[in-house]
Amino acid sequence: MRLTSALRRRIAAGFLACATIAVACVDMSAPKGAASISPLQLPSPFVVRGDTMRDSAGNVAPVTVTSYTAGGVPIADFPFETFVLDTMLRAHFTLTHLLIGDKLGTVTTVGQASGVQTLTVNVPVTVRPTTLLLGKTPDTLFAPVGSDSATSVGRSILPTIVKGVGDTTVQGVIVRYRITRTLESSSPTVPSVYLSDGAGKPMTVDTTDASGSANKRQVTVFTRLLTDQALINGQKIDTVVVEATASYKGAPLSGSPLTIFVPVKVTIAIR
């Protein structure tokens, strides 16, 4: 059958319309990039001069950024970039996002994916940590007995220090705590003694600050759960024992584990 010129024009228009629809469908379904990205994810809060940043097990590990779909699902292997914003060249990234320390100081890092940047993160470049020690002997924890729970809580700070090569204090080292001797609780589910932050929230990990001190964790005693009547009546002083640990390259620092004794004495709360 011979096609007329009008029919040929109609068929061509039809093909053009189909092609347009096909292109539109491809464009609509093609990935446009991540809907959101994570903060910069560091394997460690610090990096040692002359070494590569490592994870908590001591293994060399990259800095990462995770991208997400609009539904909040992580996108596997989505490309990202990492940058050092430092004119002093204190550290640098490799092509595989490993952060290497070059000079002592603090370096500012940032990540990017889909044209969106993370917030900046400051990373201390330090000497190699070598020693975990007690900052000072903890004071006696005076645990008050009050008429309600608000006046029946006592706390004592756990002051530990990390030092490094040349007896220099080291910032960014993670210190972990656990209670090895506690006080008996009247509750089968709620302990009378636990580790907390300054607000009383359960917390067992701290990070050394610019002075090398990890002093934000506390022993918290909930006096109303104590069962020892001699302790409750103020006739004796008992002791909570806490173990602190810190490591580098997977090996414990000298002095780790560190045993910390916290004396506990019950007092009458004054409101």
Protein backbone atom coordinates (compact mmCIF):
# COMPACT_ATOMS: atom_id res chain seq x y z
CA MET A 1 0.00 0.00 0.00
CA ARG A 2 1.32 3.39 -0.96
CA LEU A 3 1.32 6.02 1.81
CA THR A 4 -0.04 9.42 1.08
CA SER A 5 1.92 12.46 2.16
CA ALA A 6 -0.74 13.29 4.78
CA LEU A 7 -0.53 9.78 6.27
CA ARG A 8 3.25 9.96 6.34
CA ARG A 9 3.00 13.24 8.26
CA ARG A 10 0.58 11.70 10.78
CA ILE A 11 2.86 8.67 11.36
CA ALA A 12 5.90 10.92 11.79
CA ALA A 13 4.01 13.05 14.29
CA GLY A 14 3.02 9.91 16.16
CA PHE A 15 6.63 8.71 16.38
CA LEU A 16 7.67 12.15 17.58
CA ALA A 17 5.00 12.12 20.28
CA CYS A 18 6.08 8.65 21.44
CA ALA A 19 9.70 9.76 21.52
CA THR A 20 8.77 12.81 23.57
CA ILE A 21 6.78 10.68 26.02
CA ALA A 22 9.68 8.21 26.30
CA VAL A 23 12.17 10.97 27.02
CA ALA A 24 9.84 12.48 29.59
CA CYS A 25 9.46 9.11 31.33
CA VAL A 26 13.20 8.60 31.44
CA ASP A 27 13.77 12.07 32.83
CA MET A 28 11.14 11.61 35.51
CA SER A 29 12.52 8.28 36.70
CA ALA A 30 16.21 9.11 36.45
CA PRO A 31 17.98 9.79 39.76
CA LYS A 32 18.28 13.48 40.50
CA GLY A 33 20.77 13.01 43.36
CA ALA A 34 20.36 12.48 47.06
CA ALA A 35 17.39 13.97 48.86
CA SER A 36 19.54 14.44 51.96
CA ILE A 37 22.97 13.63 53.30
CA SER A 38 24.40 12.70 56.70
CA PRO A 39 26.81 14.78 58.74
CA LEU A 40 30.48 14.07 58.17
CA GLN A 41 31.10 10.64 59.71
CA LEU A 42 34.50 10.38 61.39
CA PRO A 43 35.94 7.05 62.54
CA SER A 44 37.68 8.92 65.39
CA PRO A 45 37.51 12.37 67.01
CA PHE A 46 41.25 12.92 66.42
CA VAL A 47 44.15 11.98 64.16
CA VAL A 48 47.77 11.53 65.18
CA ARG A 49 50.50 13.49 63.41
CA GLY A 50 52.19 11.21 60.88
CA ASP A 51 49.39 8.65 61.01
CA THR A 52 46.04 7.97 59.32
CA MET A 53 42.75 8.35 61.19
CA ARG A 54 41.65 5.06 62.73
CA ASP A 55 38.43 3.57 64.08
CA SER A 56 37.81 2.41 67.66
CA ALA A 57 39.40 -0.98 66.90
CA GLY A 58 42.59 0.70 65.69
CA ASN A 59 42.03 0.03 62.01
CA VAL A 60 42.69 2.65 59.31
CA ALA A 61 39.24 3.88 58.23
CA PRO A 62 37.90 6.56 55.86
CA VAL A 63 35.80 9.60 56.62
CA THR A 64 32.39 9.11 54.98
CA VAL A 65 29.16 10.86 53.99
CA THR A 66 25.95 8.84 53.55
CA SER A 67 23.31 9.95 51.04
CA TYR A 68 19.60 9.18 51.42
CA THR A 69 16.54 8.95 49.21
CA ALA A 70 13.45 11.05 49.87
CA GLY A 71 12.16 8.08 51.89
CA GLY A 72 15.22 8.12 54.13
CA VAL A 73 16.79 4.98 52.65
CA PRO A 74 20.62 5.04 52.39
CA ILE A 75 21.90 5.03 48.81
CA ALA A 76 24.71 2.51 48.45
CA ASP A 77 27.99 3.70 46.93
CA PHE A 78 26.71 7.21 46.25
CA PRO A 79 29.74 9.41 45.42
CA PHE A 80 30.84 12.11 47.85
CA GLU A 81 33.79 14.38 48.42
CA THR A 82 35.80 15.35 51.50
CA PHE A 83 37.84 18.51 51.95
CA VAL A 84 40.27 20.04 54.42
CA LEU A 85 39.74 23.79 54.93
CA ASP A 86 43.20 24.54 56.27
CA THR A 87 45.82 26.92 54.91
CA MET A 88 48.40 25.63 57.42
CA LEU A 89 48.40 22.14 55.84
CA ARG A 90 47.89 20.37 59.18
CA ALA A 91 46.21 17.40 57.50
CA HIS A 92 45.08 16.13 54.11
CA PHE A 93 42.64 13.66 52.55
CA THR A 94 43.62 10.89 50.18
CA LEU A 95 41.48 10.06 47.14
CA THR A 96 39.84 7.31 49.22
CA HIS A 97 38.87 9.79 51.98
CA LEU A 98 41.53 8.74 54.49
CA LEU A 99 42.51 11.67 56.72
CA ILE A 100 46.26 11.92 57.41
CA GLY A 101 47.73 14.16 60.11
CA ASP A 102 50.66 16.34 59.07
CA LYS A 103 51.16 19.04 61.72
CA LEU A 104 49.97 19.54 65.30
CA GLY A 105 46.93 21.77 65.64
CA THR A 106 43.28 21.73 64.64
CA VAL A 107 42.04 21.13 61.11
CA THR A 108 38.58 21.94 59.73
CA THR A 109 36.99 19.26 57.58
CA VAL A 110 33.82 19.19 55.46
CA GLY A 111 32.01 16.75 53.18
CA GLN A 112 29.83 17.15 50.09
CA ALA A 113 27.39 15.05 48.06
CA SER A 114 24.83 16.05 45.41
CA GLY A 115 26.12 19.60 45.67
CA VAL A 116 25.12 19.80 49.34
CA GLN A 117 27.76 20.36 52.01
CA THR A 118 27.85 18.96 55.52
CA LEU A 119 28.54 21.15 58.51
CA THR A 120 32.26 21.59 59.19
CA VAL A 121 33.95 19.46 61.85
CA ASN A 122 37.12 20.49 63.68
CA VAL A 123 39.59 17.63 64.15
CA PRO A 124 42.62 17.90 66.46
CA VAL A 125 45.93 16.64 65.04
CA THR A 126 47.78 15.32 68.10
CA VAL A 127 50.82 13.45 69.30
CA ARG A 128 50.47 9.71 69.79
CA PRO A 129 48.54 8.96 73.02
CA THR A 130 50.46 6.74 75.41
CA THR A 131 49.07 6.93 78.95
CA LEU A 132 45.74 6.97 80.79
CA LEU A 133 45.87 8.28 84.35
CA LEU A 134 43.65 9.61 87.10
CA GLY A 135 43.38 13.37 87.21
CA LYS A 136 42.71 13.37 90.95
CA THR A 137 41.23 11.04 93.52
CA PRO A 138 37.42 11.39 93.38
CA ASP A 139 35.86 13.18 96.32
CA THR A 140 33.48 11.29 98.56
CA LEU A 141 30.11 11.01 96.87
CA PHE A 142 27.53 12.35 99.33
CA ALA A 143 24.28 10.64 98.43
CA PRO A 144 21.35 12.50 100.02
CA VAL A 145 18.23 10.80 101.35
CA GLY A 146 15.27 13.08 100.66
CA SER A 147 11.50 12.93 100.63
CA ASP A 148 11.35 12.46 96.84
CA SER A 149 13.47 11.31 93.95
CA ALA A 150 14.67 14.84 93.17
CA THR A 151 16.46 15.05 96.52
CA SER A 152 17.74 11.47 96.51
CA VAL A 153 20.47 11.61 93.89
CA GLY A 154 24.21 12.06 94.46
CA ARG A 155 26.92 12.41 91.80
CA SER A 156 30.71 12.36 91.67
CA ILE A 157 32.90 13.28 88.67
CA LEU A 158 35.31 10.74 87.18
CA PRO A 159 38.42 12.80 86.25
CA THR A 160 40.76 10.97 83.86
CA ILE A 161 43.58 12.36 81.71
CA VAL A 162 45.25 11.08 78.53
CA LYS A 163 48.87 12.02 77.86
CA GLY A 164 51.08 11.34 74.88
CA VAL A 165 54.61 11.47 73.60
CA GLY A 166 56.63 14.14 75.39
CA ASP A 167 54.21 14.15 78.35
CA THR A 168 51.78 16.20 76.24
CA THR A 169 48.05 15.98 76.92
CA VAL A 170 46.02 14.57 74.03
CA GLN A 171 42.63 15.82 72.82
CA GLY A 172 39.94 13.65 71.23
CA VAL A 173 40.75 10.29 72.82
CA ILE A 174 37.70 8.20 73.74
CA VAL A 175 37.63 6.94 77.33
CA ARG A 176 35.20 4.17 78.25
CA TYR A 177 33.92 3.49 81.75
CA ARG A 178 32.19 0.55 83.40
CA ILE A 179 31.18 -0.14 86.99
CA THR A 180 32.93 -3.20 88.42
CA ARG A 181 31.60 -2.88 91.97
CA THR A 182 28.20 -1.41 92.70
CA LEU A 183 25.74 -0.99 95.57
CA GLU A 184 22.79 -3.36 95.84
CA SER A 185 19.49 -2.01 94.50
CA SER A 186 16.00 -2.71 95.81
CA SER A 187 14.74 -2.76 92.21
CA PRO A 188 15.29 -5.80 89.99
CA THR A 189 15.41 -3.58 86.89
CA VAL A 190 16.75 -0.16 88.00
CA PRO A 191 20.30 0.03 89.36
CA SER A 192 21.04 2.16 92.40
CA VAL A 193 24.36 3.21 90.81
CA TYR A 194 25.00 4.09 87.17
CA LEU A 195 27.30 6.20 85.01
CA SER A 196 25.86 9.43 83.62
CA ASP A 197 26.49 12.81 82.07
CA GLY A 198 26.07 16.00 84.06
CA ALA A 199 22.30 15.94 83.63
CA GLY A 200 21.97 12.38 84.93
CA LYS A 201 21.45 10.75 81.52
CA PRO A 202 23.07 7.28 81.38
CA MET A 203 26.40 7.60 79.57
CA THR A 204 29.50 5.41 79.72
CA VAL A 205 31.83 7.10 77.20
CA ASP A 206 33.71 10.40 77.32
CA THR A 207 36.17 12.21 75.03
CA THR A 208 39.21 14.13 76.22
CA ASP A 209 39.05 17.90 75.79
CA ALA A 210 41.79 20.37 74.83
CA SER A 211 43.44 19.88 78.25
CA GLY A 212 43.51 16.10 77.78
CA SER A 213 40.84 15.62 80.44
CA ALA A 214 37.80 13.37 80.25
CA ASN A 215 35.80 14.79 83.15
CA LYS A 216 32.21 14.89 81.95
CA ARG A 217 31.17 11.41 83.15
CA GLN A 218 29.87 10.92 86.67
CA VAL A 219 28.94 8.18 89.09
CA THR A 220 25.29 8.70 89.98
CA VAL A 221 23.73 7.09 93.06
CA PHE A 222 19.96 6.89 93.46
CA THR A 223 19.83 6.74 97.25
CA ARG A 224 16.19 5.66 97.55
CA LEU A 225 17.10 2.33 95.90
CA LEU A 226 19.87 1.44 98.35
CA THR A 227 19.26 -1.59 100.58
CA ASP A 228 22.21 -1.53 103.02
CA GLN A 229 20.68 -0.07 106.21
CA ALA A 230 24.03 0.74 107.78
CA LEU A 231 24.91 2.77 104.69
CA ILE A 232 21.47 4.38 104.53
CA ASN A 233 21.69 5.37 108.23
CA GLY A 234 25.08 6.98 107.71
CA GLN A 235 26.85 4.41 109.87
CA LYS A 236 29.33 3.34 107.18
CA ILE A 237 30.99 4.47 103.99
CA ASP A 238 30.87 2.12 101.00
CA THR A 239 32.75 2.18 97.72
CA VAL A 240 31.77 2.09 94.05
CA VAL A 241 34.56 0.89 91.76
CA VAL A 242 34.79 2.07 88.15
CA GLU A 243 37.11 0.84 85.42
CA ALA A 244 38.31 3.31 82.75
CA THR A 245 39.92 2.19 79.49
CA ALA A 246 41.47 3.89 76.46
CA SER A 247 43.47 2.58 73.52
CA TYR A 248 45.36 3.53 70.37
CA LYS A 249 45.85 1.32 67.31
CA GLY A 250 43.83 -1.31 69.14
CA ALA A 251 46.31 -1.55 72.04
CA PRO A 252 45.53 -0.34 75.59
CA LEU A 253 47.33 2.80 76.72
CA SER A 254 49.73 2.50 79.62
CA GLY A 255 47.64 2.59 82.81
CA SER A 256 44.57 1.14 81.07
CA PRO A 257 42.47 -0.36 82.55
CA LEU A 258 42.48 2.28 85.26
CA THR A 259 40.67 1.44 88.51
CA ILE A 260 38.84 4.34 90.17
CA PHE A 261 37.49 4.09 93.73
CA VAL A 262 34.56 6.36 94.60
CA PRO A 263 33.64 6.50 98.32
CA VAL A 264 29.88 6.80 98.96
CA LYS A 265 28.34 8.26 102.11
CA VAL A 266 24.61 8.77 102.65
CA THR A 267 23.47 12.10 104.12
CA ILE A 268 20.16 13.74 104.96
CA ALA A 269 18.99 16.06 102.19
CA ILE A 270 18.40 19.68 103.16
CA ARG A 271 15.81 21.44 101.05
